[in-house]
Amino acid sequence: MQELSLNILDIAENSVSAGATRLEIELRYAFGAENRLTVTIRDNGHGMSEETAQRVADPFYTTRTTRKVGLGTAFFKLAAELTGGSFSVESKLGEGTAVTAVLDPTHLDAVPLGDLAATCAALVQTSPEMELCLTVSREDTGAAFTADTVQFREILGEIPLDSPEVLRFLSDFIRENLAELLAGSPLEGTAD
C-alpha cells in the first residue's frame, strides 16, 4: 500500500468485520532529535486468540474465506520496519484489538500518510452506526485535535453522519487541523 491511511483503512475494516462498535485511531507525532509517528488503531470487536494475534502480520495467513492471503497488516508492519520502527498487535478474545506501528515519518523509505480525511470519511460512510474517534497529537508542541462521531452526533441531532454535507465537514475538519498540527515540522505541507 502506498499510503499509511490505506493501511489504517484496512485495519479498520478488519475491526468492522470483527463486530467493533467503537474504533479509535490515534496518531502521535514527535519531532526532534528523533522523528517518530506512532499509529494505534484500537477497537472493541471480538478480539483474537493469542495464536491468531501472533500470526496476523503473516501475509500467508488470513481468517477470511474469500482469499488465501492477507496483505494489509503485513504491509503496515513492513512500512514501520522499513524506517527502523516496530509493529505490535495486542488482542483479547471478547474485548478487542489494538494494532500499533511506530515509524520515522521523515525516513527516506517512509510511506506517506496520504489522505487520512478520506479514510475517516469512508469509514463513517460505510459504517455510520460505529463510533469513530480520531486523535492526532504532536508531542514536541503539545498541539492536538480530536474528531469524535459521538460528539458530532450530539451536535447534529437527527442529521445522519453519512450525509454528504457531514462527510465533507468531517474531511475538511481533519485536513485543516492536520495541516495546522504539522506546521513548522519536517512534514509541513504534506497533509492532504
N, C-alpha and C. Protein backbone atom coordinates (compact mmCIF):
# COMPACT_ATOMS: atom_id res chain seq x y z
N MET A 1 0.84 -1.17 0.00
CA MET A 1 0.00 0.00 0.00
C MET A 1 0.88 1.23 0.00
N GLN A 2 0.52 2.21 -0.76
CA GLN A 2 1.34 3.38 -0.96
C GLN A 2 1.12 4.48 0.06
N GLU A 3 0.12 4.33 0.95
CA GLU A 3 -0.16 5.36 1.95
C GLU A 3 -0.51 4.70 3.27
N LEU A 4 -0.06 5.31 4.37
CA LEU A 4 -0.42 4.79 5.69
C LEU A 4 -1.92 4.83 5.91
N SER A 5 -2.58 5.84 5.35
CA SER A 5 -4.03 5.95 5.54
C SER A 5 -4.75 4.73 4.97
N LEU A 6 -4.20 4.12 3.92
CA LEU A 6 -4.81 2.90 3.37
C LEU A 6 -4.56 1.71 4.29
N ASN A 7 -3.38 1.68 4.95
CA ASN A 7 -3.14 0.66 5.97
C ASN A 7 -4.12 0.80 7.11
N ILE A 8 -4.34 2.05 7.53
CA ILE A 8 -5.29 2.32 8.61
C ILE A 8 -6.68 1.87 8.20
N LEU A 9 -7.08 2.16 6.97
CA LEU A 9 -8.39 1.75 6.46
C LEU A 9 -8.52 0.23 6.47
N ASP A 10 -7.49 -0.47 6.06
CA ASP A 10 -7.53 -1.93 6.03
C ASP A 10 -7.70 -2.50 7.43
N ILE A 11 -6.94 -1.99 8.40
CA ILE A 11 -7.05 -2.46 9.78
C ILE A 11 -8.45 -2.13 10.32
N ALA A 12 -8.94 -0.93 10.01
CA ALA A 12 -10.26 -0.51 10.48
C ALA A 12 -11.36 -1.40 9.89
N GLU A 13 -11.22 -1.77 8.63
CA GLU A 13 -12.20 -2.68 8.02
C GLU A 13 -12.18 -4.04 8.71
N ASN A 14 -11.00 -4.49 9.14
CA ASN A 14 -10.92 -5.72 9.92
C ASN A 14 -11.68 -5.57 11.23
N SER A 15 -11.58 -4.39 11.84
CA SER A 15 -12.30 -4.12 13.09
C SER A 15 -13.81 -4.19 12.88
N VAL A 16 -14.28 -3.59 11.78
CA VAL A 16 -15.70 -3.63 11.46
C VAL A 16 -16.15 -5.08 11.28
N SER A 17 -15.34 -5.87 10.56
CA SER A 17 -15.66 -7.29 10.35
C SER A 17 -15.68 -8.06 11.66
N ALA A 18 -14.91 -7.60 12.64
CA ALA A 18 -14.84 -8.26 13.94
C ALA A 18 -15.94 -7.77 14.88
N GLY A 19 -16.90 -7.02 14.35
CA GLY A 19 -18.04 -6.59 15.15
C GLY A 19 -17.81 -5.39 16.04
N ALA A 20 -16.78 -4.61 15.77
CA ALA A 20 -16.49 -3.44 16.60
C ALA A 20 -17.62 -2.42 16.50
N THR A 21 -17.97 -1.85 17.64
CA THR A 21 -18.93 -0.75 17.67
C THR A 21 -18.22 0.58 17.95
N ARG A 22 -16.95 0.50 18.36
CA ARG A 22 -16.13 1.70 18.61
C ARG A 22 -14.75 1.45 18.05
N LEU A 23 -14.26 2.44 17.33
CA LEU A 23 -12.94 2.37 16.72
C LEU A 23 -12.20 3.65 17.07
N GLU A 24 -11.01 3.50 17.61
CA GLU A 24 -10.18 4.65 17.96
C GLU A 24 -8.91 4.61 17.12
N ILE A 25 -8.65 5.69 16.42
CA ILE A 25 -7.44 5.83 15.62
C ILE A 25 -6.63 6.96 16.23
N GLU A 26 -5.42 6.67 16.62
CA GLU A 26 -4.57 7.67 17.28
C GLU A 26 -3.25 7.79 16.54
N LEU A 27 -2.88 9.01 16.20
CA LEU A 27 -1.59 9.31 15.60
C LEU A 27 -0.86 10.26 16.53
N ARG A 28 0.34 9.86 16.97
CA ARG A 28 1.15 10.69 17.85
C ARG A 28 2.48 11.00 17.15
N TYR A 29 2.67 12.26 16.80
CA TYR A 29 3.90 12.70 16.17
C TYR A 29 4.86 13.21 17.23
N ALA A 30 6.16 13.04 16.97
CA ALA A 30 7.21 13.64 17.78
C ALA A 30 8.34 14.03 16.85
N PHE A 31 8.75 15.29 16.92
CA PHE A 31 9.84 15.78 16.08
C PHE A 31 10.92 16.33 16.99
N GLY A 32 12.15 16.04 16.65
CA GLY A 32 13.27 16.50 17.46
C GLY A 32 14.51 15.72 17.06
N ALA A 33 15.28 15.29 18.06
CA ALA A 33 16.48 14.51 17.78
C ALA A 33 16.12 13.25 17.00
N GLU A 34 15.00 12.67 17.32
CA GLU A 34 14.46 11.54 16.58
C GLU A 34 13.03 11.90 16.18
N ASN A 35 12.70 11.64 14.94
CA ASN A 35 11.34 11.88 14.46
C ASN A 35 10.56 10.58 14.55
N ARG A 36 9.33 10.68 15.06
CA ARG A 36 8.56 9.45 15.29
C ARG A 36 7.08 9.70 15.06
N LEU A 37 6.44 8.71 14.48
CA LEU A 37 4.99 8.68 14.37
C LEU A 37 4.52 7.34 14.91
N THR A 38 3.64 7.40 15.90
CA THR A 38 3.04 6.19 16.46
C THR A 38 1.58 6.18 16.04
N VAL A 39 1.20 5.12 15.32
CA VAL A 39 -0.17 4.95 14.86
C VAL A 39 -0.77 3.77 15.60
N THR A 40 -1.88 4.01 16.30
CA THR A 40 -2.58 2.94 17.01
C THR A 40 -4.02 2.91 16.55
N ILE A 41 -4.48 1.73 16.19
CA ILE A 41 -5.88 1.50 15.83
C ILE A 41 -6.42 0.51 16.85
N ARG A 42 -7.40 0.97 17.63
CA ARG A 42 -7.93 0.18 18.75
C ARG A 42 -9.43 -0.01 18.55
N ASP A 43 -9.91 -1.24 18.77
CA ASP A 43 -11.34 -1.50 18.62
C ASP A 43 -11.87 -2.31 19.80
N ASN A 44 -13.19 -2.40 19.87
CA ASN A 44 -13.84 -3.21 20.89
C ASN A 44 -14.54 -4.41 20.25
N GLY A 45 -13.95 -4.93 19.17
CA GLY A 45 -14.52 -6.06 18.45
C GLY A 45 -14.33 -7.37 19.20
N HIS A 46 -14.49 -8.45 18.47
CA HIS A 46 -14.44 -9.80 19.06
C HIS A 46 -13.07 -10.18 19.60
N GLY A 47 -12.03 -9.52 19.11
CA GLY A 47 -10.68 -9.87 19.54
C GLY A 47 -10.19 -11.12 18.85
N MET A 48 -8.96 -11.48 19.15
CA MET A 48 -8.34 -12.66 18.53
C MET A 48 -7.68 -13.51 19.60
N SER A 49 -7.52 -14.78 19.28
CA SER A 49 -6.75 -15.66 20.16
C SER A 49 -5.29 -15.23 20.10
N GLU A 50 -4.51 -15.67 21.06
CA GLU A 50 -3.09 -15.32 21.10
C GLU A 50 -2.39 -15.83 19.84
N GLU A 51 -2.75 -17.01 19.40
CA GLU A 51 -2.14 -17.59 18.20
C GLU A 51 -2.44 -16.74 16.96
N THR A 52 -3.69 -16.34 16.81
CA THR A 52 -4.07 -15.51 15.66
C THR A 52 -3.37 -14.16 15.72
N ALA A 53 -3.31 -13.54 16.89
CA ALA A 53 -2.65 -12.24 17.04
C ALA A 53 -1.17 -12.32 16.66
N GLN A 54 -0.52 -13.44 16.97
CA GLN A 54 0.89 -13.60 16.63
C GLN A 54 1.10 -13.79 15.14
N ARG A 55 0.11 -14.33 14.45
CA ARG A 55 0.25 -14.64 13.02
C ARG A 55 -0.38 -13.59 12.12
N VAL A 56 -1.04 -12.59 12.67
CA VAL A 56 -1.83 -11.66 11.88
C VAL A 56 -1.01 -10.89 10.84
N ALA A 57 0.27 -10.67 11.06
CA ALA A 57 1.08 -9.94 10.10
C ALA A 57 1.74 -10.85 9.07
N ASP A 58 1.48 -12.14 9.14
CA ASP A 58 1.99 -13.10 8.16
C ASP A 58 1.13 -12.97 6.90
N PRO A 59 1.72 -12.61 5.76
CA PRO A 59 0.91 -12.40 4.55
C PRO A 59 0.22 -13.67 4.04
N PHE A 60 0.67 -14.83 4.50
CA PHE A 60 0.07 -16.08 4.03
C PHE A 60 -0.90 -16.67 5.05
N TYR A 61 -1.29 -15.82 6.01
CA TYR A 61 -2.27 -16.24 7.00
C TYR A 61 -3.43 -15.26 6.97
N THR A 62 -4.62 -15.76 6.86
CA THR A 62 -5.81 -14.91 6.92
C THR A 62 -6.96 -15.73 7.47
N THR A 63 -7.87 -15.06 8.14
CA THR A 63 -9.07 -15.73 8.63
C THR A 63 -10.21 -15.58 7.63
N ARG A 64 -9.99 -14.80 6.60
CA ARG A 64 -11.03 -14.61 5.57
C ARG A 64 -11.14 -15.85 4.71
N THR A 65 -12.34 -16.13 4.28
CA THR A 65 -12.57 -17.29 3.41
C THR A 65 -12.63 -16.89 1.94
N THR A 66 -12.60 -15.58 1.65
CA THR A 66 -12.72 -15.12 0.27
C THR A 66 -11.39 -15.08 -0.46
N ARG A 67 -10.28 -15.18 0.28
CA ARG A 67 -8.96 -15.22 -0.36
C ARG A 67 -7.99 -15.93 0.56
N LYS A 68 -6.84 -16.32 -0.01
CA LYS A 68 -5.88 -17.14 0.74
C LYS A 68 -4.74 -16.35 1.36
N VAL A 69 -4.67 -15.05 1.07
CA VAL A 69 -3.62 -14.22 1.67
C VAL A 69 -4.24 -12.98 2.28
N GLY A 70 -3.55 -12.41 3.24
CA GLY A 70 -3.99 -11.17 3.88
C GLY A 70 -2.81 -10.22 3.95
N LEU A 71 -2.73 -9.28 3.02
CA LEU A 71 -1.55 -8.44 2.89
C LEU A 71 -1.61 -7.13 3.66
N GLY A 72 -2.79 -6.66 4.02
CA GLY A 72 -2.91 -5.34 4.64
C GLY A 72 -2.07 -5.16 5.88
N THR A 73 -2.18 -6.06 6.82
CA THR A 73 -1.43 -5.96 8.06
C THR A 73 0.06 -6.16 7.81
N ALA A 74 0.38 -7.06 6.90
CA ALA A 74 1.79 -7.29 6.56
C ALA A 74 2.43 -6.03 5.97
N PHE A 75 1.70 -5.32 5.12
CA PHE A 75 2.22 -4.08 4.54
C PHE A 75 2.38 -3.00 5.59
N PHE A 76 1.47 -2.95 6.55
CA PHE A 76 1.56 -1.97 7.63
C PHE A 76 2.81 -2.23 8.47
N LYS A 77 3.05 -3.49 8.78
CA LYS A 77 4.24 -3.88 9.53
C LYS A 77 5.50 -3.52 8.75
N LEU A 78 5.51 -3.83 7.46
CA LEU A 78 6.66 -3.53 6.62
C LEU A 78 6.92 -2.02 6.56
N ALA A 79 5.86 -1.22 6.45
CA ALA A 79 6.02 0.24 6.41
C ALA A 79 6.72 0.75 7.66
N ALA A 80 6.39 0.18 8.81
CA ALA A 80 7.04 0.58 10.06
C ALA A 80 8.49 0.11 10.10
N GLU A 81 8.72 -1.14 9.76
CA GLU A 81 10.05 -1.72 9.88
C GLU A 81 11.04 -1.13 8.87
N LEU A 82 10.57 -0.69 7.70
CA LEU A 82 11.46 -0.07 6.71
C LEU A 82 12.10 1.20 7.23
N THR A 83 11.49 1.83 8.22
CA THR A 83 12.03 3.07 8.78
C THR A 83 12.76 2.84 10.10
N GLY A 84 12.97 1.57 10.44
CA GLY A 84 13.61 1.25 11.72
C GLY A 84 12.63 1.21 12.87
N GLY A 85 11.36 1.19 12.56
CA GLY A 85 10.31 1.21 13.58
C GLY A 85 9.89 -0.18 14.01
N SER A 86 8.72 -0.24 14.63
CA SER A 86 8.23 -1.50 15.18
C SER A 86 6.74 -1.65 14.91
N PHE A 87 6.24 -2.85 15.15
CA PHE A 87 4.84 -3.17 14.91
C PHE A 87 4.40 -4.16 15.97
N SER A 88 3.19 -3.96 16.50
CA SER A 88 2.69 -4.91 17.50
C SER A 88 1.18 -5.04 17.41
N VAL A 89 0.69 -6.18 17.84
CA VAL A 89 -0.74 -6.45 17.91
C VAL A 89 -1.04 -6.99 19.30
N GLU A 90 -1.98 -6.36 19.97
CA GLU A 90 -2.46 -6.84 21.27
C GLU A 90 -3.95 -7.11 21.13
N SER A 91 -4.37 -8.28 21.57
CA SER A 91 -5.77 -8.63 21.42
C SER A 91 -6.20 -9.58 22.51
N LYS A 92 -7.47 -9.43 22.91
CA LYS A 92 -8.07 -10.35 23.87
C LYS A 92 -9.43 -10.74 23.34
N LEU A 93 -9.70 -12.02 23.35
CA LEU A 93 -10.99 -12.51 22.90
C LEU A 93 -12.10 -11.85 23.70
N GLY A 94 -13.10 -11.36 23.00
CA GLY A 94 -14.24 -10.73 23.64
C GLY A 94 -14.02 -9.29 24.08
N GLU A 95 -12.80 -8.77 23.93
CA GLU A 95 -12.51 -7.41 24.39
C GLU A 95 -12.07 -6.46 23.29
N GLY A 96 -11.37 -6.97 22.29
CA GLY A 96 -10.93 -6.12 21.20
C GLY A 96 -9.47 -6.26 20.88
N THR A 97 -9.03 -5.40 19.98
CA THR A 97 -7.68 -5.49 19.44
C THR A 97 -7.08 -4.10 19.33
N ALA A 98 -5.77 -4.02 19.54
CA ALA A 98 -5.01 -2.78 19.31
C ALA A 98 -3.82 -3.12 18.42
N VAL A 99 -3.72 -2.41 17.31
CA VAL A 99 -2.61 -2.57 16.38
C VAL A 99 -1.80 -1.28 16.44
N THR A 100 -0.49 -1.40 16.66
CA THR A 100 0.37 -0.22 16.79
C THR A 100 1.57 -0.33 15.88
N ALA A 101 1.81 0.72 15.13
CA ALA A 101 3.02 0.82 14.30
C ALA A 101 3.76 2.09 14.71
N VAL A 102 5.05 1.96 14.91
CA VAL A 102 5.91 3.09 15.25
C VAL A 102 6.91 3.23 14.11
N LEU A 103 7.01 4.44 13.55
CA LEU A 103 7.90 4.63 12.41
C LEU A 103 8.46 6.04 12.41
N ASP A 104 9.47 6.23 11.57
CA ASP A 104 10.04 7.56 11.37
C ASP A 104 9.40 8.13 10.10
N PRO A 105 8.51 9.12 10.24
CA PRO A 105 7.81 9.64 9.07
C PRO A 105 8.70 10.45 8.12
N THR A 106 9.94 10.76 8.55
CA THR A 106 10.85 11.53 7.70
C THR A 106 11.92 10.65 7.06
N HIS A 107 11.90 9.37 7.36
CA HIS A 107 12.88 8.42 6.82
C HIS A 107 12.74 8.35 5.30
N LEU A 108 13.84 8.11 4.62
CA LEU A 108 13.84 8.00 3.18
C LEU A 108 12.85 6.96 2.67
N ASP A 109 12.68 5.87 3.40
CA ASP A 109 11.77 4.79 3.00
C ASP A 109 10.37 4.91 3.59
N ALA A 110 10.08 6.03 4.24
CA ALA A 110 8.77 6.20 4.87
C ALA A 110 7.66 6.29 3.83
N VAL A 111 6.58 5.59 4.11
CA VAL A 111 5.38 5.68 3.30
C VAL A 111 4.63 6.92 3.76
N PRO A 112 4.16 7.77 2.84
CA PRO A 112 3.45 8.99 3.27
C PRO A 112 2.12 8.65 3.95
N LEU A 113 1.66 9.58 4.77
CA LEU A 113 0.38 9.38 5.46
C LEU A 113 -0.76 9.24 4.46
N GLY A 114 -0.77 10.06 3.43
CA GLY A 114 -1.87 10.00 2.47
C GLY A 114 -3.07 10.77 2.97
N ASP A 115 -4.23 10.42 2.47
CA ASP A 115 -5.45 11.18 2.75
C ASP A 115 -6.21 10.59 3.93
N LEU A 116 -5.76 10.93 5.13
CA LEU A 116 -6.39 10.45 6.35
C LEU A 116 -7.84 10.90 6.44
N ALA A 117 -8.13 12.09 5.95
CA ALA A 117 -9.50 12.62 5.99
C ALA A 117 -10.43 11.75 5.16
N ALA A 118 -9.99 11.36 3.98
CA ALA A 118 -10.81 10.49 3.13
C ALA A 118 -11.00 9.12 3.76
N THR A 119 -9.98 8.62 4.43
CA THR A 119 -10.09 7.33 5.12
C THR A 119 -11.16 7.40 6.20
N CYS A 120 -11.13 8.44 7.01
CA CYS A 120 -12.12 8.57 8.08
C CYS A 120 -13.53 8.77 7.50
N ALA A 121 -13.63 9.57 6.45
CA ALA A 121 -14.94 9.77 5.82
C ALA A 121 -15.47 8.47 5.25
N ALA A 122 -14.60 7.66 4.65
CA ALA A 122 -15.03 6.36 4.11
C ALA A 122 -15.52 5.44 5.22
N LEU A 123 -14.85 5.46 6.36
CA LEU A 123 -15.28 4.63 7.49
C LEU A 123 -16.65 5.06 8.01
N VAL A 124 -16.85 6.38 8.11
CA VAL A 124 -18.15 6.88 8.58
C VAL A 124 -19.24 6.57 7.57
N GLN A 125 -18.91 6.71 6.30
CA GLN A 125 -19.91 6.47 5.25
C GLN A 125 -20.33 5.00 5.19
N THR A 126 -19.37 4.09 5.33
CA THR A 126 -19.69 2.66 5.21
C THR A 126 -20.18 2.04 6.51
N SER A 127 -19.87 2.66 7.64
CA SER A 127 -20.30 2.14 8.95
C SER A 127 -20.79 3.30 9.82
N PRO A 128 -21.87 3.98 9.42
CA PRO A 128 -22.29 5.19 10.14
C PRO A 128 -22.74 4.93 11.58
N GLU A 129 -23.09 3.69 11.90
CA GLU A 129 -23.53 3.37 13.26
C GLU A 129 -22.36 3.19 14.23
N MET A 130 -21.17 2.94 13.70
CA MET A 130 -20.00 2.73 14.54
C MET A 130 -19.48 4.06 15.08
N GLU A 131 -19.02 4.06 16.31
CA GLU A 131 -18.37 5.23 16.89
C GLU A 131 -16.92 5.26 16.39
N LEU A 132 -16.51 6.40 15.85
CA LEU A 132 -15.15 6.57 15.37
C LEU A 132 -14.54 7.77 16.07
N CYS A 133 -13.39 7.57 16.65
CA CYS A 133 -12.69 8.67 17.32
C CYS A 133 -11.27 8.74 16.77
N LEU A 134 -10.95 9.86 16.10
CA LEU A 134 -9.61 10.12 15.60
C LEU A 134 -8.96 11.14 16.51
N THR A 135 -7.77 10.82 17.01
CA THR A 135 -6.99 11.76 17.81
C THR A 135 -5.61 11.88 17.19
N VAL A 136 -5.20 13.10 16.93
CA VAL A 136 -3.87 13.35 16.37
C VAL A 136 -3.18 14.35 17.29
N SER A 137 -1.95 14.03 17.68
CA SER A 137 -1.23 14.92 18.60
C SER A 137 0.22 15.05 18.17
N ARG A 138 0.85 16.06 18.72
CA ARG A 138 2.26 16.33 18.44
C ARG A 138 2.95 16.61 19.76
N GLU A 139 3.83 15.69 20.15
CA GLU A 139 4.46 15.76 21.47
C GLU A 139 5.35 16.98 21.65
N ASP A 140 6.08 17.39 20.60
CA ASP A 140 7.05 18.47 20.77
C ASP A 140 6.39 19.83 20.93
N THR A 141 5.15 20.01 20.48
CA THR A 141 4.47 21.30 20.64
C THR A 141 3.26 21.22 21.57
N GLY A 142 2.78 20.01 21.83
CA GLY A 142 1.58 19.85 22.64
C GLY A 142 0.29 20.04 21.86
N ALA A 143 0.39 20.31 20.56
CA ALA A 143 -0.81 20.50 19.73
C ALA A 143 -1.55 19.18 19.58
N ALA A 144 -2.87 19.25 19.49
CA ALA A 144 -3.68 18.04 19.32
C ALA A 144 -5.07 18.42 18.84
N PHE A 145 -5.72 17.47 18.19
CA PHE A 145 -7.13 17.63 17.87
C PHE A 145 -7.79 16.26 17.86
N THR A 146 -9.11 16.29 18.04
CA THR A 146 -9.91 15.07 18.06
C THR A 146 -11.14 15.26 17.18
N ALA A 147 -11.46 14.24 16.44
CA ALA A 147 -12.71 14.19 15.67
C ALA A 147 -13.44 12.93 16.15
N ASP A 148 -14.52 13.11 16.88
CA ASP A 148 -15.23 12.00 17.50
C ASP A 148 -16.69 12.02 17.05
N THR A 149 -17.14 10.92 16.45
CA THR A 149 -18.51 10.88 15.94
C THR A 149 -19.54 10.94 17.06
N VAL A 150 -19.18 10.58 18.26
CA VAL A 150 -20.11 10.70 19.39
C VAL A 150 -20.45 12.18 19.59
N GLN A 151 -19.43 13.04 19.58
CA GLN A 151 -19.65 14.47 19.72
C GLN A 151 -20.41 15.03 18.53
N PHE A 152 -20.06 14.57 17.33
CA PHE A 152 -20.77 15.04 16.13
C PHE A 152 -22.24 14.69 16.21
N ARG A 153 -22.57 13.48 16.67
CA ARG A 153 -23.97 13.07 16.79
C ARG A 153 -24.73 13.96 17.77
N GLU A 154 -24.08 14.30 18.90
CA GLU A 154 -24.71 15.17 19.89
C GLU A 154 -25.04 16.54 19.28
N ILE A 155 -24.14 17.07 18.48
CA ILE A 155 -24.33 18.38 17.88
C ILE A 155 -25.35 18.33 16.74
N LEU A 156 -25.28 17.30 15.92
CA LEU A 156 -26.09 17.22 14.71
C LEU A 156 -27.51 16.70 14.94
N GLY A 157 -27.72 16.02 16.05
CA GLY A 157 -29.05 15.51 16.33
C GLY A 157 -29.50 14.49 15.31
N GLU A 158 -30.55 14.80 14.57
CA GLU A 158 -31.15 13.85 13.62
C GLU A 158 -30.43 13.79 12.27
N ILE A 159 -29.49 14.68 12.01
CA ILE A 159 -28.80 14.67 10.72
C ILE A 159 -27.87 13.46 10.68
N PRO A 160 -28.01 12.60 9.68
CA PRO A 160 -27.16 11.40 9.63
C PRO A 160 -25.70 11.74 9.34
N LEU A 161 -24.80 11.00 9.99
CA LEU A 161 -23.37 11.25 9.81
C LEU A 161 -22.90 10.93 8.40
N ASP A 162 -23.61 10.05 7.71
CA ASP A 162 -23.18 9.67 6.37
C ASP A 162 -23.79 10.55 5.28
N SER A 163 -24.39 11.68 5.67
CA SER A 163 -24.90 12.63 4.66
C SER A 163 -23.70 13.34 4.03
N PRO A 164 -23.81 13.69 2.74
CA PRO A 164 -22.67 14.32 2.05
C PRO A 164 -22.13 15.57 2.75
N GLU A 165 -23.02 16.38 3.30
CA GLU A 165 -22.57 17.62 3.96
C GLU A 165 -21.74 17.32 5.20
N VAL A 166 -22.16 16.33 5.97
CA VAL A 166 -21.42 15.97 7.19
C VAL A 166 -20.09 15.35 6.83
N LEU A 167 -20.07 14.48 5.83
CA LEU A 167 -18.82 13.85 5.40
C LEU A 167 -17.83 14.90 4.89
N ARG A 168 -18.33 15.88 4.17
CA ARG A 168 -17.47 16.96 3.67
C ARG A 168 -16.92 17.78 4.85
N PHE A 169 -17.79 18.10 5.83
CA PHE A 169 -17.33 18.84 7.01
C PHE A 169 -16.26 18.04 7.75
N LEU A 170 -16.50 16.74 7.96
CA LEU A 170 -15.54 15.88 8.66
C LEU A 170 -14.20 15.89 7.94
N SER A 171 -14.22 15.71 6.63
CA SER A 171 -12.99 15.70 5.84
C SER A 171 -12.25 17.02 5.95
N ASP A 172 -12.97 18.12 5.78
CA ASP A 172 -12.34 19.44 5.86
C ASP A 172 -11.77 19.69 7.25
N PHE A 173 -12.51 19.30 8.29
CA PHE A 173 -12.06 19.46 9.68
C PHE A 173 -10.73 18.74 9.89
N ILE A 174 -10.65 17.50 9.44
CA ILE A 174 -9.42 16.71 9.64
C ILE A 174 -8.28 17.31 8.83
N ARG A 175 -8.51 17.64 7.57
CA ARG A 175 -7.44 18.19 6.72
C ARG A 175 -6.89 19.50 7.31
N GLU A 176 -7.79 20.41 7.70
CA GLU A 176 -7.35 21.71 8.22
C GLU A 176 -6.58 21.55 9.52
N ASN A 177 -7.09 20.72 10.42
CA ASN A 177 -6.41 20.55 11.71
C ASN A 177 -5.09 19.82 11.57
N LEU A 178 -5.02 18.85 10.67
CA LEU A 178 -3.77 18.12 10.45
C LEU A 178 -2.71 19.05 9.86
N ALA A 179 -3.10 19.87 8.90
CA ALA A 179 -2.16 20.83 8.31
C ALA A 179 -1.64 21.81 9.37
N GLU A 180 -2.52 22.27 10.23
CA GLU A 180 -2.13 23.19 11.31
C GLU A 180 -1.20 22.49 12.30
N LEU A 181 -1.51 21.24 12.64
CA LEU A 181 -0.70 20.50 13.59
C LEU A 181 0.71 20.25 13.05
N LEU A 182 0.84 20.01 11.75
CA LEU A 182 2.14 19.71 11.16
C LEU A 182 2.92 20.96 10.75
N ALA A 183 2.33 22.14 10.89
CA ALA A 183 3.01 23.39 10.53
C ALA A 183 4.30 23.52 11.34
N GLY A 184 5.38 23.89 10.66
CA GLY A 184 6.66 24.06 11.34
C GLY A 184 7.41 22.75 11.57
N SER A 185 6.86 21.64 11.11
CA SER A 185 7.54 20.35 11.26
C SER A 185 8.19 19.96 9.94
N PRO A 186 9.03 18.92 9.94
CA PRO A 186 9.59 18.44 8.68
C PRO A 186 8.52 17.95 7.69
N LEU A 187 7.31 17.72 8.16
CA LEU A 187 6.23 17.24 7.30
C LEU A 187 5.27 18.35 6.88
N GLU A 188 5.60 19.59 7.18
CA GLU A 188 4.71 20.70 6.82
C GLU A 188 4.42 20.66 5.32
N GLY A 189 3.16 20.82 4.99
CA GLY A 189 2.75 20.83 3.60
C GLY A 189 2.48 19.46 3.01
N THR A 190 2.63 18.40 3.82
CA THR A 190 2.40 17.06 3.29
C THR A 190 1.00 16.54 3.58
N ALA A 191 0.25 17.23 4.44
CA ALA A 191 -1.10 16.78 4.77
C ALA A 191 -2.02 17.06 3.59
N ASP A 192 -2.75 16.01 3.18
CA ASP A 192 -3.68 16.17 2.05
C ASP A 192 -4.91 16.93 2.48
